[in-house]
Amino acid sequence: MTGASALVLLASGVGHALVVGLEGGLRRLDPFAGLTGRPAASDGLNFLVVGVDDRHELSEEQRQRHRLGGESCDCTDTLMLVHVSEDRERLSVVSIPRDSFVRLPPHTDPGTGKHHRAVPAKINSAYAHGGPHLTVRTVEDLTGVHVDHYLEVDFSSFLRTVDVLGGVPVCTTKPLRDPYSGLDLPAGASTLDGAQALAYVRARHLGGDSDFGRMRRQQRFIAAVLDKATEGEVLANPVKFHEVTRTLLDSVRADEGFGTSEMVALGKAMRDFDPGSAEFVSVPVADPDHRVRGLGSTVRWDRREARRLFGALRDDRPLAPGNSHRDARPDDSGPADGPGGSRGAEPGGVEVPPEHVRVQVENGTHRAGLGHRVDQALRAAGFRTTGIPRNAARQDHRHTVVTYDPGWDRSVRTVQAAFPDAELRPEAGRGPTMTVTLGRDFDRVHAVRTDGPAPGPAGGPGRTDREFRVVTGDHATCD
């Protein structure tokens, strides 16, 4: 379900000839018929991608093997808003918790023809109440984002697409076992077939992380699909591309407006797209266990932060502003830090607050779990970590090293304040994310004190709003 959005958006990069003829297998629907009072269209393209709990095409044996017992709920098991920027250089994926508390707009039941007034519900039930039409209307009412295209995938198509793709690689820092979904993965790297991938993106019983952990895995899975596709195994191989695309399009339902010409134009525009161009985020939540009579546990959004998030989509702005803005300076005369990082943190405090600094943690030692502990300590100190610590290429590092882009020489001083004994190692072109490679000399994460607000990357001087917790595709590697 989640990989379908990535493949459709990457499709057609090899040209019109291979796409023509495939469109006939794409099942059509019209989720926009009769919709009124819709949000205004904005720059870029917005896709509503839904994974539907529809098991009718699966045999009883398949249901048992994939732990899909029981009847289909005919609801949306996954909801994502996917925004492709106007310049086709960025993909923003926003996961919407399926238990989000909403008020369904007034609607007519497609099965009975009965008209219903607005009712409180979980957002995933919109599909059962009114199909794709009500799902689109509910999402647009809730987010204020105009949906340009609608893509729908079910369990059976998900299985077939992953298998035809040849499996999808994922990485986990610890074993993942969920008897409910059938997920059973060892620590480290694994290549998932269709059945394993389905269990991976459906698992909700892994250490109590419930639907939020599941959304993170879905985001990482999309990043893995993007990574595999852009390596050339699919797009650069016409035979493989044709096989994958036919399987995908045969089992996806899409709106009438998403056809061959749109796929070709989008594919050509995104020819240089790579996993680092993708950013993943979930809707900010105020209460993950909001109790509502008749509905049970629901998810209540943080309305203020959600407005900011969807406002960024409407304005076609990056969700992680550091992706496209370097450290602002009063003038350009100040040199960047030189090799070795001889300049330390400014006396009295740092200029750039931790919440404006992105950090990837790597464990360069044999101390198990060290990366995870440091990542958590940095988050507690306010840093925007990737949340996905990983092992360094080697585990014999004597000294802790901070690798950074010289264009972010002010931000690196904030990281240096947390690791005062670390070596600073400039590396041009790596972008805003600092990598902290932990060595045997690591002791602790030091407290960081700031000297007032720093210029906000997206909001101009004086911006103090906290950034969204965004992970880019090139860092979405390990659980």
Protein backbone atom coordinates (compact mmCIF):
# COMPACT_ATOMS: atom_id res chain seq x y z
CA MET A 1 0.00 0.00 0.00
CA THR A 2 2.68 2.51 0.98
CA GLY A 3 5.12 1.56 -1.78
CA ALA A 4 2.50 2.17 -4.44
CA SER A 5 2.65 5.93 -3.99
CA ALA A 6 6.40 5.94 -4.55
CA LEU A 7 6.25 3.72 -7.63
CA VAL A 8 3.43 5.65 -9.28
CA LEU A 9 5.22 8.94 -8.74
CA LEU A 10 8.46 7.52 -10.12
CA ALA A 11 6.76 5.78 -13.05
CA SER A 12 7.22 6.86 -16.65
CA GLY A 13 10.74 8.18 -16.17
CA VAL A 14 11.90 5.95 -19.04
CA GLY A 15 9.52 7.48 -21.53
CA HIS A 16 6.06 7.61 -23.05
CA ALA A 17 6.39 4.47 -25.18
CA LEU A 18 6.60 2.13 -22.20
CA VAL A 19 3.66 3.76 -20.41
CA VAL A 20 1.23 3.87 -23.31
CA GLY A 21 -0.84 0.71 -23.28
CA LEU A 22 -0.47 0.19 -19.55
CA GLU A 23 -3.05 2.81 -18.63
CA GLY A 24 -5.85 0.59 -19.86
CA GLY A 25 -5.34 -1.69 -16.88
CA LEU A 26 -5.79 1.14 -14.41
CA ARG A 27 -9.17 0.97 -12.71
CA ARG A 28 -10.94 4.31 -12.57
CA LEU A 29 -13.22 6.13 -10.15
CA ASP A 30 -14.37 9.69 -9.65
CA PRO A 31 -13.86 10.75 -6.02
CA PHE A 32 -14.33 14.43 -6.90
CA ALA A 33 -17.82 14.29 -8.47
CA GLY A 34 -20.17 16.80 -6.91
CA LEU A 35 -17.65 18.15 -4.40
CA THR A 36 -18.29 21.82 -3.63
CA GLY A 37 -16.65 24.39 -1.43
CA ARG A 38 -13.27 22.77 -1.92
CA PRO A 39 -9.96 24.38 -0.87
CA ALA A 40 -8.29 26.39 -3.61
CA ALA A 41 -5.69 24.61 -5.70
CA SER A 42 -2.11 25.60 -4.91
CA ASP A 43 1.38 25.18 -6.37
CA GLY A 44 2.62 21.62 -6.70
CA LEU A 45 0.54 18.44 -6.80
CA ASN A 46 -1.26 16.79 -3.89
CA PHE A 47 -2.06 13.07 -3.94
CA LEU A 48 -4.30 11.38 -1.40
CA VAL A 49 -2.93 7.82 -1.17
CA VAL A 50 -5.06 5.32 0.71
CA GLY A 51 -4.53 1.67 1.54
CA VAL A 52 -7.90 -0.05 1.77
CA ASP A 53 -8.64 -3.05 4.00
CA ASP A 54 -10.26 -5.02 1.18
CA ARG A 55 -9.59 -8.77 1.28
CA HIS A 56 -12.19 -9.98 -1.20
CA GLU A 57 -9.60 -10.98 -3.83
CA LEU A 58 -7.61 -13.05 -1.33
CA SER A 59 -8.31 -16.74 -0.84
CA GLU A 60 -8.97 -18.19 2.61
CA GLU A 61 -5.52 -19.79 2.51
CA GLN A 62 -3.92 -16.41 1.77
CA ARG A 63 -5.85 -14.74 4.57
CA GLN A 64 -4.64 -17.33 7.05
CA ARG A 65 -1.04 -17.23 5.81
CA HIS A 66 -0.87 -13.43 6.00
CA ARG A 67 -2.75 -13.19 9.34
CA LEU A 68 -5.68 -11.40 7.69
CA GLY A 69 -8.44 -13.29 9.45
CA GLY A 70 -11.92 -11.87 9.78
CA GLU A 71 -13.96 -9.77 7.42
CA SER A 72 -12.75 -6.68 5.61
CA CYS A 73 -13.68 -3.48 7.39
CA ASP A 74 -13.92 -1.68 4.01
CA CYS A 75 -12.08 1.17 5.67
CA THR A 76 -8.80 2.95 4.98
CA ASP A 77 -5.97 1.17 6.75
CA THR A 78 -3.47 3.82 5.61
CA LEU A 79 -3.92 7.50 4.69
CA MET A 80 -1.16 9.71 3.35
CA LEU A 81 -1.08 13.15 1.76
CA VAL A 82 1.77 13.20 -0.76
CA HIS A 83 2.86 16.63 -2.00
CA VAL A 84 5.10 17.00 -5.05
CA SER A 85 6.62 20.48 -5.14
CA GLU A 86 6.04 22.78 -8.09
CA ASP A 87 9.72 22.56 -9.08
CA ARG A 88 9.51 18.73 -8.84
CA GLU A 89 12.56 18.66 -6.55
CA ARG A 90 10.82 17.62 -3.32
CA LEU A 91 8.34 15.01 -2.16
CA SER A 92 6.56 15.58 1.17
CA VAL A 93 4.70 12.62 2.68
CA VAL A 94 2.32 13.32 5.60
CA SER A 95 0.94 10.30 7.43
CA ILE A 96 -2.56 10.73 8.87
CA PRO A 97 -3.34 8.49 11.88
CA ARG A 98 -6.22 6.25 10.88
CA ASP A 99 -7.89 6.74 14.29
CA SER A 100 -7.89 10.55 13.99
CA PHE A 101 -11.01 12.04 15.55
CA VAL A 102 -13.12 13.92 12.98
CA ARG A 103 -16.65 15.00 12.27
CA LEU A 104 -17.67 13.39 8.99
CA PRO A 105 -19.37 15.96 6.75
CA PRO A 106 -23.06 15.45 5.88
CA HIS A 107 -23.22 12.64 3.32
CA THR A 108 -25.34 10.05 1.60
CA ASP A 109 -24.63 6.36 2.17
CA PRO A 110 -23.79 4.91 -1.27
CA GLY A 111 -25.25 1.53 -0.34
CA THR A 112 -28.59 2.55 1.17
CA GLY A 113 -29.05 6.02 -0.29
CA LYS A 114 -29.79 7.30 3.21
CA HIS A 115 -28.66 10.84 4.00
CA HIS A 116 -26.66 11.37 7.21
CA ARG A 117 -25.92 14.52 9.13
CA ALA A 118 -22.39 15.36 10.29
CA VAL A 119 -21.31 12.73 12.84
CA PRO A 120 -18.22 12.23 15.04
CA ALA A 121 -16.06 9.35 13.80
CA LYS A 122 -12.56 8.05 13.21
CA ILE A 123 -11.20 9.22 9.88
CA ASN A 124 -10.66 5.71 8.52
CA SER A 125 -14.43 5.08 8.68
CA ALA A 126 -15.11 7.77 6.06
CA TYR A 127 -14.49 5.17 3.37
CA ALA A 128 -17.11 2.79 4.78
CA HIS A 129 -19.64 5.63 5.15
CA GLY A 130 -19.17 7.21 1.73
CA GLY A 131 -16.29 5.64 -0.20
CA PRO A 132 -13.52 7.64 -1.88
CA HIS A 133 -15.82 10.66 -2.30
CA LEU A 134 -16.38 11.11 1.44
CA THR A 135 -12.75 10.27 2.20
CA VAL A 136 -11.49 13.07 -0.05
CA ARG A 137 -14.07 15.50 1.31
CA THR A 138 -13.19 14.68 4.93
CA VAL A 139 -9.44 15.07 4.35
CA GLU A 140 -9.88 18.36 2.49
CA ASP A 141 -12.20 19.75 5.19
CA LEU A 142 -9.77 18.71 7.91
CA THR A 143 -6.53 19.89 6.30
CA GLY A 144 -7.53 22.73 3.99
CA VAL A 145 -5.36 21.08 1.30
CA HIS A 146 -6.77 20.66 -2.22
CA VAL A 147 -6.43 17.04 -3.37
CA ASP A 148 -5.41 16.88 -7.05
CA HIS A 149 -5.27 13.09 -7.45
CA TYR A 150 -6.52 10.03 -5.58
CA LEU A 151 -4.74 6.64 -5.51
CA GLU A 152 -6.15 3.54 -3.82
CA VAL A 153 -4.37 0.22 -3.22
CA ASP A 154 -5.57 -2.96 -1.50
CA PHE A 155 -3.81 -5.85 0.26
CA SER A 156 -3.64 -8.15 -2.75
CA SER A 157 -2.10 -5.55 -5.06
CA PHE A 158 0.45 -4.65 -2.40
CA LEU A 159 1.64 -8.27 -2.20
CA ARG A 160 1.97 -8.64 -5.98
CA THR A 161 3.79 -5.36 -6.52
CA VAL A 162 6.49 -5.99 -3.90
CA ASP A 163 7.12 -9.49 -5.26
CA VAL A 164 7.43 -8.27 -8.85
CA LEU A 165 9.78 -5.54 -7.67
CA GLY A 166 12.06 -8.31 -6.41
CA GLY A 167 11.66 -7.49 -2.74
CA VAL A 168 12.37 -4.32 -0.79
CA PRO A 169 15.34 -3.91 1.61
CA VAL A 170 14.76 -2.64 5.15
CA CYS A 171 16.95 -2.34 8.24
CA THR A 172 16.12 -2.74 11.92
CA THR A 173 18.37 -2.23 14.93
CA LYS A 174 16.60 -4.96 16.91
CA PRO A 175 14.47 -8.04 16.16
CA LEU A 176 10.88 -7.21 15.25
CA ARG A 177 8.26 -9.81 16.13
CA ASP A 178 4.50 -9.35 16.07
CA PRO A 179 2.38 -12.52 16.26
CA TYR A 180 -0.73 -10.60 15.17
CA SER A 181 0.66 -9.54 11.77
CA GLY A 182 3.14 -12.42 11.45
CA LEU A 183 6.16 -10.09 11.36
CA ASP A 184 9.38 -11.87 12.37
CA LEU A 185 12.58 -10.03 11.39
CA PRO A 186 16.08 -10.37 12.80
CA ALA A 187 18.17 -7.35 13.70
CA GLY A 188 20.06 -5.91 10.74
CA ALA A 189 19.28 -5.77 7.04
CA SER A 190 16.53 -7.86 5.43
CA THR A 191 14.97 -7.98 1.98
CA LEU A 192 11.20 -8.31 2.31
CA ASP A 193 8.99 -10.19 -0.12
CA GLY A 194 5.33 -9.23 -0.50
CA ALA A 195 4.10 -11.21 2.52
CA GLN A 196 6.86 -9.92 4.79
CA ALA A 197 6.40 -6.35 3.58
CA LEU A 198 2.67 -6.53 4.33
CA ALA A 199 3.41 -7.70 7.88
CA TYR A 200 6.06 -4.96 8.25
CA VAL A 201 3.74 -2.08 7.34
CA ARG A 202 0.73 -3.53 9.23
CA ALA A 203 2.38 -4.46 12.57
CA ARG A 204 0.85 -2.59 15.51
CA HIS A 205 2.08 -4.68 18.47
CA LEU A 206 5.79 -3.97 18.71
CA GLY A 207 6.66 -2.66 22.15
CA GLY A 208 3.47 -0.66 22.54
CA ASP A 209 4.16 1.75 19.66
CA SER A 210 0.75 1.00 18.12
CA ASP A 211 -0.28 3.01 15.07
CA PHE A 212 2.47 5.63 15.41
CA GLY A 213 5.27 3.08 15.10
CA ARG A 214 3.42 1.56 12.18
CA MET A 215 3.31 4.94 10.41
CA ARG A 216 7.07 5.36 10.89
CA ARG A 217 7.69 1.96 9.34
CA GLN A 218 5.43 2.82 6.42
CA GLN A 219 7.41 6.00 5.85
CA ARG A 220 10.69 4.08 5.96
CA PHE A 221 9.28 1.52 3.57
CA ILE A 222 8.46 4.24 1.03
CA ALA A 223 12.01 5.56 1.42
CA ALA A 224 13.34 2.04 0.75
CA VAL A 225 11.18 1.71 -2.39
CA LEU A 226 12.40 5.11 -3.62
CA ASP A 227 15.99 4.09 -2.94
CA LYS A 228 15.68 0.84 -4.86
CA ALA A 229 13.86 2.45 -7.79
CA THR A 230 16.32 5.32 -8.16
CA GLU A 231 19.32 2.97 -8.04
CA GLY A 232 18.35 2.01 -11.57
CA GLU A 233 17.12 -1.53 -10.94
CA VAL A 234 13.63 -0.54 -12.08
CA LEU A 235 13.65 2.74 -14.02
CA ALA A 236 16.81 1.96 -15.99
CA ASN A 237 15.65 -1.53 -16.95
CA PRO A 238 12.80 -1.28 -19.51
CA VAL A 239 11.72 -4.92 -19.08
CA LYS A 240 11.66 -4.69 -15.28
CA PHE A 241 9.98 -1.31 -15.40
CA HIS A 242 7.24 -2.62 -17.68
CA GLU A 243 6.62 -5.66 -15.44
CA VAL A 244 6.47 -3.65 -12.21
CA THR A 245 4.34 -0.89 -13.70
CA ARG A 246 1.84 -3.30 -15.26
CA THR A 247 1.41 -5.16 -11.97
CA LEU A 248 0.99 -1.90 -10.11
CA LEU A 249 -1.42 -0.24 -12.51
CA ASP A 250 -3.50 -3.40 -12.88
CA SER A 251 -4.31 -3.27 -9.20
CA VAL A 252 -4.52 0.44 -8.39
CA ARG A 253 -7.65 2.57 -8.57
CA ALA A 254 -7.09 6.21 -9.51
CA ASP A 255 -9.09 9.29 -10.43
CA GLU A 256 -9.95 9.94 -14.07
CA GLY A 257 -7.45 12.80 -14.32
CA PHE A 258 -4.36 10.71 -13.59
CA GLY A 259 -3.46 9.24 -16.97
CA THR A 260 -0.55 8.51 -19.28
CA SER A 261 0.32 12.11 -20.09
CA GLU A 262 0.34 13.07 -16.41
CA MET A 263 2.54 10.11 -15.48
CA VAL A 264 5.02 10.83 -18.29
CA ALA A 265 5.23 14.55 -17.48
CA LEU A 266 5.72 13.84 -13.80
CA GLY A 267 8.31 11.15 -14.44
CA LYS A 268 10.36 13.40 -16.69
CA ALA A 269 10.20 16.26 -14.22
CA MET A 270 11.39 13.98 -11.40
CA ARG A 271 14.17 12.31 -13.39
CA ASP A 272 16.84 13.46 -10.93
CA PHE A 273 14.76 12.64 -7.87
CA ASP A 274 16.53 10.69 -5.09
CA PRO A 275 15.59 9.48 -1.58
CA GLY A 276 17.12 12.59 0.01
CA SER A 277 14.52 14.64 -1.86
CA ALA A 278 11.73 13.02 0.16
CA GLU A 279 10.63 14.21 3.59
CA PHE A 280 8.34 12.26 5.90
CA VAL A 281 6.26 13.52 8.81
CA SER A 282 3.16 12.54 10.77
CA VAL A 283 0.35 14.89 11.76
CA PRO A 284 1.24 16.50 15.12
CA VAL A 285 -0.85 14.94 17.91
CA ALA A 286 -2.09 16.49 21.17
CA ASP A 287 -3.67 13.34 22.62
CA PRO A 288 -2.97 9.83 21.23
CA ASP A 289 -5.68 8.31 23.45
CA HIS A 290 -8.60 10.75 23.24
CA ARG A 291 -11.64 8.90 24.54
CA VAL A 292 -14.96 9.50 22.78
CA ARG A 293 -18.24 7.84 23.74
CA GLY A 294 -19.22 5.30 21.12
CA LEU A 295 -15.82 5.43 19.42
CA GLY A 296 -13.41 4.46 22.18
CA SER A 297 -9.81 5.58 21.85
CA THR A 298 -9.18 8.16 19.12
CA VAL A 299 -6.30 10.44 18.15
CA ARG A 300 -6.78 14.18 18.71
CA TRP A 301 -4.58 16.44 16.60
CA ASP A 302 -2.58 19.39 17.85
CA ARG A 303 -4.67 21.89 15.91
CA ARG A 304 -2.15 24.73 15.96
CA GLU A 305 0.74 22.59 14.77
CA ALA A 306 -1.45 20.78 12.22
CA ARG A 307 -2.47 24.15 10.75
CA ARG A 308 1.22 25.05 10.39
CA LEU A 309 1.98 21.72 8.75
CA PHE A 310 -0.80 21.86 6.17
CA GLY A 311 -0.16 25.56 5.63
CA ALA A 312 3.36 24.61 4.54
CA LEU A 313 1.94 22.13 2.02
CA ARG A 314 -0.46 24.74 0.64
CA ASP A 315 2.40 27.24 0.34
CA ASP A 316 4.64 24.63 -1.32
CA ARG A 317 7.27 25.10 1.41
CA PRO A 318 9.68 22.42 2.70
CA LEU A 319 8.55 20.78 5.93
CA ALA A 320 12.21 20.65 6.99
CA PRO A 321 13.31 24.20 6.10
CA GLY A 322 16.98 23.30 6.51
CA ASN A 323 16.65 21.25 3.31
CA SER A 324 16.90 24.38 1.22
CA HIS A 325 18.37 27.15 3.38
CA ARG A 326 21.87 27.52 4.72
CA ASP A 327 22.76 29.28 7.96
CA ALA A 328 21.83 32.95 7.54
CA ARG A 329 24.52 35.51 8.37
CA PRO A 330 24.26 39.30 8.78
CA ASP A 331 26.77 39.45 5.89
CA ASP A 332 28.81 37.03 3.83
CA SER A 333 32.19 38.15 5.16
CA GLY A 334 32.38 35.70 8.05
CA PRO A 335 34.43 32.62 7.17
CA ALA A 336 33.20 29.13 7.75
CA ASP A 337 34.97 26.94 10.28
CA GLY A 338 38.18 25.53 8.90
CA PRO A 339 39.40 21.94 8.99
CA GLY A 340 39.71 20.57 12.48
CA GLY A 341 37.12 22.95 13.88
CA SER A 342 39.51 25.16 15.83
CA ARG A 343 36.78 27.61 16.84
CA GLY A 344 34.73 26.45 19.79
CA ALA A 345 31.25 27.40 20.99
CA GLU A 346 30.73 31.10 21.55
CA PRO A 347 31.34 32.31 25.15
CA GLY A 348 28.18 32.24 27.23
CA GLY A 349 26.15 30.16 24.80
CA VAL A 350 25.50 29.22 21.17
CA GLU A 351 23.72 31.33 18.59
CA VAL A 352 21.62 28.65 16.86
CA PRO A 353 19.18 26.82 19.19
CA PRO A 354 19.29 22.99 19.15
CA GLU A 355 15.75 22.80 17.74
CA HIS A 356 17.09 24.30 14.48
CA VAL A 357 19.90 21.74 14.16
CA ARG A 358 19.53 18.34 12.45
CA VAL A 359 21.68 15.47 13.69
CA GLN A 360 22.31 11.89 12.55
CA VAL A 361 23.94 9.70 15.23
CA GLU A 362 26.34 6.91 14.28
CA ASN A 363 27.83 4.42 16.75
CA GLY A 364 31.53 4.00 15.99
CA THR A 365 32.15 1.75 19.00
CA HIS A 366 31.35 -1.78 20.11
CA ARG A 367 29.09 -0.47 22.93
CA ALA A 368 25.68 -1.94 22.09
CA GLY A 369 22.81 0.52 22.19
CA LEU A 370 25.05 3.58 22.51
CA GLY A 371 23.69 5.22 19.37
CA HIS A 372 20.12 4.90 20.59
CA ARG A 373 20.96 6.37 24.02
CA VAL A 374 22.79 9.33 22.51
CA ASP A 375 19.99 9.96 20.00
CA GLN A 376 17.50 10.07 22.88
CA ALA A 377 19.76 12.36 24.92
CA LEU A 378 20.09 14.76 21.99
CA ARG A 379 16.33 14.79 21.50
CA ALA A 380 15.88 15.56 25.19
CA ALA A 381 18.29 18.47 24.72
CA GLY A 382 16.10 19.79 21.89
CA PHE A 383 18.07 18.68 18.82
CA ARG A 384 16.17 17.53 15.73
CA THR A 385 17.65 14.06 15.43
CA THR A 386 16.66 11.65 12.69
CA GLY A 387 15.43 9.24 15.37
CA ILE A 388 17.21 6.48 13.45
CA PRO A 389 20.70 5.98 14.92
CA ARG A 390 22.87 3.64 12.90
CA ASN A 391 26.21 1.85 13.11
CA ALA A 392 29.25 3.51 11.56
CA ALA A 393 31.17 1.74 8.81
CA ARG A 394 33.68 0.65 11.46
CA GLN A 395 33.42 0.29 15.23
CA ASP A 396 37.02 1.16 16.22
CA HIS A 397 36.76 4.97 16.35
CA ARG A 398 38.91 6.36 19.17
CA HIS A 399 37.55 9.90 19.00
CA THR A 400 34.06 11.31 18.45
CA VAL A 401 33.77 13.17 15.14
CA VAL A 402 31.17 15.69 13.98
CA THR A 403 30.96 15.83 10.17
CA TYR A 404 29.25 18.93 8.78
CA ASP A 405 28.79 21.12 5.72
CA PRO A 406 30.86 24.34 6.03
CA GLY A 407 27.77 26.30 4.96
CA TRP A 408 26.26 25.45 8.36
CA ASP A 409 29.26 26.62 10.41
CA ARG A 410 27.08 28.36 13.03
CA SER A 411 24.85 25.32 13.54
CA VAL A 412 27.85 23.04 14.04
CA ARG A 413 28.92 25.14 17.03
CA THR A 414 25.69 24.09 18.72
CA VAL A 415 26.58 20.44 18.14
CA GLN A 416 30.10 21.10 19.38
CA ALA A 417 28.67 22.52 22.60
CA ALA A 418 27.01 19.14 23.21
CA PHE A 419 30.27 17.29 22.30
CA PRO A 420 33.03 19.72 23.37
CA ASP A 421 35.85 17.20 22.90
CA ALA A 422 34.75 16.08 19.45
CA GLU A 423 36.73 16.72 16.28
CA LEU A 424 34.91 18.85 13.69
CA ARG A 425 35.33 17.54 10.16
CA PRO A 426 34.01 19.75 7.30
CA GLU A 427 32.61 18.07 4.21
CA ALA A 428 31.26 20.31 1.47
CA GLY A 429 27.93 19.46 -0.12
CA ARG A 430 26.49 17.24 2.62
CA GLY A 431 23.68 19.65 3.49
CA PRO A 432 22.19 20.69 6.84
CA THR A 433 22.35 17.36 8.68
CA MET A 434 25.34 16.96 11.02
CA THR A 435 26.61 13.41 11.56
CA VAL A 436 27.97 12.60 15.02
CA THR A 437 30.15 9.47 14.91
CA LEU A 438 30.66 8.31 18.48
CA GLY A 439 34.15 7.18 19.50
CA ARG A 440 35.55 5.42 22.54
CA ASP A 441 36.25 8.83 24.16
CA PHE A 442 32.52 9.66 24.32
CA ASP A 443 31.42 10.48 27.86
CA ARG A 444 28.06 12.25 27.78
CA VAL A 445 25.92 14.77 25.92
CA HIS A 446 26.61 18.16 27.51
CA ALA A 447 23.90 20.75 28.17
CA VAL A 448 23.62 23.47 25.53
CA ARG A 449 22.83 27.09 26.37
CA THR A 450 21.71 29.59 23.70
CA ASP A 451 22.16 33.34 23.43
CA GLY A 452 18.64 34.20 22.27
CA PRO A 453 16.64 33.37 19.13
CA ALA A 454 18.37 32.55 15.88
CA PRO A 455 17.10 33.35 12.41
CA GLY A 456 14.53 30.74 11.42
CA PRO A 457 15.33 29.01 8.14
CA ALA A 458 11.83 29.41 6.74
CA GLY A 459 10.25 32.19 8.73
CA GLY A 460 12.90 34.91 8.52
CA PRO A 461 14.77 36.60 11.39
CA GLY A 462 13.38 36.05 14.83
CA ARG A 463 11.37 32.94 14.06
CA THR A 464 11.04 30.85 17.23
CA ASP A 465 8.41 28.28 16.20
CA ARG A 466 9.70 24.74 16.63
CA GLU A 467 10.26 22.71 13.48
CA PHE A 468 8.33 19.62 12.54
CA ARG A 469 9.86 16.22 13.31
CA VAL A 470 10.81 15.38 9.75
CA VAL A 471 12.90 12.50 8.44
CA THR A 472 14.29 12.66 4.92
CA GLY A 473 14.41 9.55 2.74
CA ASP A 474 18.19 9.27 2.77
CA HIS A 475 18.10 8.90 6.57
CA ALA A 476 15.01 6.67 6.84
CA THR A 477 17.05 3.50 7.02
CA CYS A 478 16.70 1.67 10.34
CA ASP A 479 13.99 1.16 12.98
